[in-house]
Structure formats: C-alpha cells, structure tokens
Amino acid sequence: MVASELLRAALMLLHALAAAAWFGSIFYGVFVLYSRVSRHFDTIAERERLLMALSHGARWHMIAAMSLVGLSGFGLFLMPKNDVTNPWLTVAGIKAVLMLASAILFWRVSWHWWPARLFALEAELPASHRRFRLGAAYMLMLVGVNFALGVLARLI
C-alpha cells in the first residue's frame, strides 16, 4: 500500500468513527436518556437538575467530534480515490452544506437555547424541552443524511 492510500484509509476511518460518535450521541440523548429520565423523576425540576449535571461540558466533546468530521471530510475531498465526476462533486457540495447547517444549528442550541434553558422558570421548561427535542430531531436528520451521502459518495 502506498503512503497516500494509508493516509486516505486513516482519514476515512477517522471520519466514519467521528460521525458515528456524533450521530450516536444525539440518538442516545433523544431516544434513551430523555425518555428514561422522564420516567424516573416526578417533577420537571428534578429531571432538569439531572440533565444539567449530565450535560455539563458535553459541548466540547461535540465540537471535537464535529471538527474531526469536518477536517477529515475536507482531507478526503482533497484526496479523491477515483476520478472527480460531477455527481461526486454535487454530493460533496451537499455534504459541505449539511455540515455547515449542522454547525449553525449546534451553535444556536449551545450558545442561545442552552443559556435560556439554564435561566428558565419551571413553567417555561416544557416549551424549552420541546424546542430542544425539535433541534435534536433536525440535527439527527442532518447528520444522518450527511452520513448516508458519504456512503453514496463512495459508490459514484
């Protein structure tokens, strides 16, 4: 194997693992954590205290995963395995737009919605939780479609 092929394989592995970690963390939060927390605590204030404690510092783990996905994806874009075709460039462009949309949504959730949630009154928490679930659903969709397009890019 040539050094460039090894580098490309390492980038692909890093890209796939970081994307899987990103997707998996969103999936776990939405479908496992939040539903279980809701079943085990009677009041929304108790649930919120636990979720705040669990979420503390998680933003930086997500930024690391997103950065790894973006940087390794850019590296893969610069090192195409086959001839660059118009369909491949189209998929790469769509993936870049989805990555940017994911970063913008993450910025909005982390630096706007999260501080608002920290200072929300108990009566405001149900609306805040709905907004977070909607944001998580959008993020799951963006990351999932981007992941699927990455597989498609290997086939065209």
C-alpha atoms as a PDB file:
ATOM      1  CA  MET A   1       0.000   0.000   0.000  1.00  0.00           C
ATOM      2  CA  VAL A   2       1.264   3.455  -0.861  1.00  0.00           C
ATOM      3  CA  ALA A   3       1.552   6.103   1.862  1.00  0.00           C
ATOM      4  CA  SER A   4      -1.229   8.191   0.294  1.00  0.00           C
ATOM      5  CA  GLU A   5      -3.565   5.175   0.339  1.00  0.00           C
ATOM      6  CA  LEU A   6      -2.773   4.585   4.017  1.00  0.00           C
ATOM      7  CA  LEU A   7      -3.426   8.236   4.803  1.00  0.00           C
ATOM      8  CA  ARG A   8      -6.717   8.108   2.900  1.00  0.00           C
ATOM      9  CA  ALA A   9      -7.745   4.933   4.760  1.00  0.00           C
ATOM     10  CA  ALA A  10      -6.880   6.556   8.105  1.00  0.00           C
ATOM     11  CA  LEU A  11      -8.900   9.657   7.185  1.00  0.00           C
ATOM     12  CA  MET A  12     -11.865   7.518   6.151  1.00  0.00           C
ATOM     13  CA  LEU A  13     -11.730   5.588   9.422  1.00  0.00           C
ATOM     14  CA  LEU A  14     -11.434   8.763  11.497  1.00  0.00           C
ATOM     15  CA  HIS A  15     -14.257  10.378   9.508  1.00  0.00           C
ATOM     16  CA  ALA A  16     -16.605   7.408   9.919  1.00  0.00           C
ATOM     17  CA  LEU A  17     -15.874   6.905  13.622  1.00  0.00           C
ATOM     18  CA  ALA A  18     -16.271  10.587  14.496  1.00  0.00           C
ATOM     19  CA  ALA A  19     -19.526  10.791  12.509  1.00  0.00           C
ATOM     20  CA  ALA A  20     -20.817   7.631  14.202  1.00  0.00           C
ATOM     21  CA  ALA A  21     -19.967   9.073  17.630  1.00  0.00           C
ATOM     22  CA  TRP A  22     -21.748  12.319  16.753  1.00  0.00           C
ATOM     23  CA  PHE A  23     -24.848  10.551  15.423  1.00  0.00           C
ATOM     24  CA  GLY A  24     -24.843   8.065  18.293  1.00  0.00           C
ATOM     25  CA  SER A  25     -24.648  10.724  20.975  1.00  0.00           C
ATOM     26  CA  ILE A  26     -27.639  12.572  19.540  1.00  0.00           C
ATOM     27  CA  PHE A  27     -29.580   9.316  19.120  1.00  0.00           C
ATOM     28  CA  TYR A  28     -28.786   8.224  22.685  1.00  0.00           C
ATOM     29  CA  GLY A  29     -29.805  11.581  24.131  1.00  0.00           C
ATOM     30  CA  VAL A  30     -33.116  11.726  22.295  1.00  0.00           C
ATOM     31  CA  PHE A  31     -34.282   8.115  22.386  1.00  0.00           C
ATOM     32  CA  VAL A  32     -32.684   6.700  25.542  1.00  0.00           C
ATOM     33  CA  LEU A  33     -31.617   9.339  28.039  1.00  0.00           C
ATOM     34  CA  TYR A  34     -34.508  11.803  27.887  1.00  0.00           C
ATOM     35  CA  SER A  35     -37.204   9.141  27.859  1.00  0.00           C
ATOM     36  CA  ARG A  36     -35.660   7.307  30.835  1.00  0.00           C
ATOM     37  CA  VAL A  37     -35.123  10.469  32.837  1.00  0.00           C
ATOM     38  CA  SER A  38     -38.774  11.384  32.274  1.00  0.00           C
ATOM     39  CA  ARG A  39     -39.910   8.019  33.641  1.00  0.00           C
ATOM     40  CA  HIS A  40     -37.783   8.149  36.793  1.00  0.00           C
ATOM     41  CA  PHE A  41     -38.343  11.671  38.084  1.00  0.00           C
ATOM     42  CA  ASP A  42     -41.705  13.053  39.107  1.00  0.00           C
ATOM     43  CA  THR A  43     -41.079  16.751  38.633  1.00  0.00           C
ATOM     44  CA  ILE A  44     -39.621  18.601  35.710  1.00  0.00           C
ATOM     45  CA  ALA A  45     -37.265  20.450  38.075  1.00  0.00           C
ATOM     46  CA  GLU A  46     -35.719  17.143  39.242  1.00  0.00           C
ATOM     47  CA  ARG A  47     -35.298  15.972  35.642  1.00  0.00           C
ATOM     48  CA  GLU A  48     -33.757  19.270  34.690  1.00  0.00           C
ATOM     49  CA  ARG A  49     -31.173  19.129  37.517  1.00  0.00           C
ATOM     50  CA  LEU A  50     -30.009  15.694  36.382  1.00  0.00           C
ATOM     51  CA  LEU A  51     -29.902  16.668  32.700  1.00  0.00           C
ATOM     52  CA  MET A  52     -27.911  19.795  33.530  1.00  0.00           C
ATOM     53  CA  ALA A  53     -25.388  17.749  35.512  1.00  0.00           C
ATOM     54  CA  LEU A  54     -25.045  15.155  32.736  1.00  0.00           C
ATOM     55  CA  SER A  55     -24.729  17.773  30.012  1.00  0.00           C
ATOM     56  CA  HIS A  56     -22.130  19.917  31.733  1.00  0.00           C
ATOM     57  CA  GLY A  57     -19.065  20.112  29.466  1.00  0.00           C
ATOM     58  CA  ALA A  58     -20.551  17.924  26.720  1.00  0.00           C
ATOM     59  CA  ARG A  59     -20.480  20.823  24.260  1.00  0.00           C
ATOM     60  CA  TRP A  60     -16.733  20.472  23.851  1.00  0.00           C
ATOM     61  CA  HIS A  61     -16.966  16.754  23.106  1.00  0.00           C
ATOM     62  CA  MET A  62     -19.480  17.537  20.374  1.00  0.00           C
ATOM     63  CA  ILE A  63     -17.273  20.293  18.978  1.00  0.00           C
ATOM     64  CA  ALA A  64     -14.368  17.829  18.882  1.00  0.00           C
ATOM     65  CA  ALA A  65     -16.460  15.227  17.020  1.00  0.00           C
ATOM     66  CA  MET A  66     -17.807  17.831  14.585  1.00  0.00           C
ATOM     67  CA  SER A  67     -14.299  19.190  13.993  1.00  0.00           C
ATOM     68  CA  LEU A  68     -12.938  15.709  13.316  1.00  0.00           C
ATOM     69  CA  VAL A  69     -15.762  15.033  10.858  1.00  0.00           C
ATOM     70  CA  GLY A  70     -15.261  18.355   9.079  1.00  0.00           C
ATOM     71  CA  LEU A  71     -11.481  18.253   8.891  1.00  0.00           C
ATOM     72  CA  SER A  72     -11.264  14.606   7.876  1.00  0.00           C
ATOM     73  CA  GLY A  73     -14.018  15.187   5.311  1.00  0.00           C
ATOM     74  CA  PHE A  74     -12.055  18.080   3.845  1.00  0.00           C
ATOM     75  CA  GLY A  75      -8.969  15.885   3.730  1.00  0.00           C
ATOM     76  CA  LEU A  76     -10.930  13.181   1.907  1.00  0.00           C
ATOM     77  CA  PHE A  77     -12.231  15.780  -0.531  1.00  0.00           C
ATOM     78  CA  LEU A  78      -8.652  16.743  -1.333  1.00  0.00           C
ATOM     79  CA  MET A  79      -7.678  13.084  -1.838  1.00  0.00           C
ATOM     80  CA  PRO A  80     -10.371  11.539  -4.076  1.00  0.00           C
ATOM     81  CA  LYS A  81      -9.794   7.859  -4.807  1.00  0.00           C
ATOM     82  CA  ASN A  82     -11.288   7.907  -8.289  1.00  0.00           C
ATOM     83  CA  ASP A  83     -11.786  10.485 -10.992  1.00  0.00           C
ATOM     84  CA  VAL A  84     -13.721  13.500  -9.820  1.00  0.00           C
ATOM     85  CA  THR A  85     -17.114  13.487 -11.522  1.00  0.00           C
ATOM     86  CA  ASN A  86     -19.944  15.992 -11.470  1.00  0.00           C
ATOM     87  CA  PRO A  87     -22.190  13.703  -9.353  1.00  0.00           C
ATOM     88  CA  TRP A  88     -19.342  13.229  -6.850  1.00  0.00           C
ATOM     89  CA  LEU A  89     -18.768  16.998  -6.670  1.00  0.00           C
ATOM     90  CA  THR A  90     -22.515  17.535  -6.194  1.00  0.00           C
ATOM     91  CA  VAL A  91     -22.626  15.061  -3.298  1.00  0.00           C
ATOM     92  CA  ALA A  92     -19.509  16.648  -1.767  1.00  0.00           C
ATOM     93  CA  GLY A  93     -21.108  20.088  -2.047  1.00  0.00           C
ATOM     94  CA  ILE A  94     -24.337  18.906  -0.435  1.00  0.00           C
ATOM     95  CA  LYS A  95     -22.334  17.295   2.362  1.00  0.00           C
ATOM     96  CA  ALA A  96     -20.490  20.569   2.958  1.00  0.00           C
ATOM     97  CA  VAL A  97     -23.780  22.494   3.132  1.00  0.00           C
ATOM     98  CA  LEU A  98     -25.237  19.943   5.558  1.00  0.00           C
ATOM     99  CA  MET A  99     -22.107  20.192   7.713  1.00  0.00           C
ATOM    100  CA  LEU A 100     -22.410  23.964   7.779  1.00  0.00           C
ATOM    101  CA  ALA A 101     -26.127  23.731   8.643  1.00  0.00           C
ATOM    102  CA  SER A 102     -25.265  21.292  11.464  1.00  0.00           C
ATOM    103  CA  ALA A 103     -22.628  23.661  12.835  1.00  0.00           C
ATOM    104  CA  ILE A 104     -25.040  26.604  12.737  1.00  0.00           C
ATOM    105  CA  LEU A 105     -27.768  24.604  14.489  1.00  0.00           C
ATOM    106  CA  PHE A 106     -25.287  23.409  17.108  1.00  0.00           C
ATOM    107  CA  TRP A 107     -24.118  26.985  17.683  1.00  0.00           C
ATOM    108  CA  ARG A 108     -27.741  28.112  18.105  1.00  0.00           C
ATOM    109  CA  VAL A 109     -28.573  25.321  20.544  1.00  0.00           C
ATOM    110  CA  SER A 110     -25.353  25.620  22.565  1.00  0.00           C
ATOM    111  CA  TRP A 111     -24.938  29.368  22.824  1.00  0.00           C
ATOM    112  CA  HIS A 112     -28.545  30.577  22.717  1.00  0.00           C
ATOM    113  CA  TRP A 113     -31.028  27.886  23.710  1.00  0.00           C
ATOM    114  CA  TRP A 114     -28.871  26.347  26.431  1.00  0.00           C
ATOM    115  CA  PRO A 115     -28.275  29.598  28.390  1.00  0.00           C
ATOM    116  CA  ALA A 116     -32.001  30.383  28.071  1.00  0.00           C
ATOM    117  CA  ARG A 117     -32.765  26.930  29.458  1.00  0.00           C
ATOM    118  CA  LEU A 118     -30.386  27.455  32.388  1.00  0.00           C
ATOM    119  CA  PHE A 119     -32.297  30.541  33.478  1.00  0.00           C
ATOM    120  CA  ALA A 120     -35.802  29.394  32.549  1.00  0.00           C
ATOM    121  CA  LEU A 121     -38.550  29.365  35.109  1.00  0.00           C
ATOM    122  CA  GLU A 122     -40.026  25.958  35.866  1.00  0.00           C
ATOM    123  CA  ALA A 123     -43.171  26.872  33.913  1.00  0.00           C
ATOM    124  CA  GLU A 124     -41.020  27.643  30.840  1.00  0.00           C
ATOM    125  CA  LEU A 125     -39.200  24.299  30.871  1.00  0.00           C
ATOM    126  CA  PRO A 126     -41.760  22.223  28.914  1.00  0.00           C
ATOM    127  CA  ALA A 127     -41.528  24.638  25.960  1.00  0.00           C
ATOM    128  CA  SER A 128     -37.741  24.630  26.240  1.00  0.00           C
ATOM    129  CA  HIS A 129     -37.694  20.819  26.195  1.00  0.00           C
ATOM    130  CA  ARG A 130     -39.902  20.751  23.098  1.00  0.00           C
ATOM    131  CA  ARG A 131     -37.538  23.171  21.348  1.00  0.00           C
ATOM    132  CA  PHE A 132     -34.539  21.002  22.290  1.00  0.00           C
ATOM    133  CA  ARG A 133     -36.259  17.833  21.049  1.00  0.00           C
ATOM    134  CA  LEU A 134     -37.067  19.558  17.767  1.00  0.00           C
ATOM    135  CA  GLY A 135     -33.481  20.800  17.442  1.00  0.00           C
ATOM    136  CA  ALA A 136     -32.183  17.297  18.194  1.00  0.00           C
ATOM    137  CA  ALA A 137     -34.506  15.812  15.557  1.00  0.00           C
ATOM    138  CA  TYR A 138     -33.198  18.280  12.971  1.00  0.00           C
ATOM    139  CA  MET A 139     -29.600  17.568  13.968  1.00  0.00           C
ATOM    140  CA  LEU A 140     -30.187  13.814  13.794  1.00  0.00           C
ATOM    141  CA  MET A 141     -31.651  14.266  10.317  1.00  0.00           C
ATOM    142  CA  LEU A 142     -28.781  16.478   9.124  1.00  0.00           C
ATOM    143  CA  VAL A 143     -26.089  14.153  10.445  1.00  0.00           C
ATOM    144  CA  GLY A 144     -27.889  11.022   9.237  1.00  0.00           C
ATOM    145  CA  VAL A 145     -28.381  12.345   5.710  1.00  0.00           C
ATOM    146  CA  ASN A 146     -24.765  13.516   5.629  1.00  0.00           C
ATOM    147  CA  PHE A 147     -23.628  10.055   6.745  1.00  0.00           C
ATOM    148  CA  ALA A 148     -25.754   8.400   4.043  1.00  0.00           C
ATOM    149  CA  LEU A 149     -24.358  10.768   1.414  1.00  0.00           C
ATOM    150  CA  GLY A 150     -20.864   9.758   2.491  1.00  0.00           C
ATOM    151  CA  VAL A 151     -21.722   6.160   1.639  1.00  0.00           C
ATOM    152  CA  LEU A 152     -23.247   7.297  -1.658  1.00  0.00           C
ATOM    153  CA  ALA A 153     -20.086   9.270  -2.468  1.00  0.00           C
ATOM    154  CA  ARG A 154     -18.105   6.036  -2.283  1.00  0.00           C
ATOM    155  CA  LEU A 155     -20.435   4.433  -4.833  1.00  0.00           C
ATOM    156  CA  ILE A 156     -20.394   7.113  -7.517  1.00  0.00           C
END
